Amino acid sequence: LYIGFVKQFSYQGCPDTTAGCLDELQRYLFTYFVTRLLVHLASDMFLVFIARSQLARETQGNPEGERINMHLQIQAKSQEYDAIMKVDDWTENVLTFLFLTCFNVVLPVIALLALLTTMLEARCLAHRNCCFLRRPVPRGAEGIGEWQQLLETVEFLAVLINVGFAVF
């Protein structure tokens, strides 16, 4: 937001081009979006690698008949899908939505990036949840809870930011 709205009035100023600071803002947005994606995917893949290596060590040398019992033991020993993981997963989705709605005017390719990264991340999370985490106890829900309020706030901010980019 600093580069998009404030920098042009600061002592640093913007380049004397028709785009002004928007070229710099595009570069920073693209770099941040891609870096955040790569770091998140790398950390998830690292956890999957650790879980797979632990699973391979535990199942090594077991006869075929013991594999059914082994699956139950692995489920019991697996990490639980706790509130921290749930918040991390939702935060990633909300941040992607925030970048998409607030800066789509500045960097239109962010829509394609958001689509591709969300599809890839959804597959990685589904694989992680199905193969490496303990099955959660099913609970009913009436909606997405407090995340609804946060998403509505992001929508309001996106309107203000997009109008600001159009006016300034």
Foldseek 3Di string as FASTA:
>chain_A
DCLLPPQCVDPNHFDPDPCTSLVVVQVVLVVVLVVVLVVVVVVLVVVVVVQVVVLCVVCPPDDPVCVVVVVVVQLVVFAACDPVVVVVVLVVVLVLVLCCLQCCVSHVCSVVVSVVSVVVVVVSVVCCQVPGHHDDDDDDDDDDPPVVVVSVVSNVVSVVNVVVSVVD
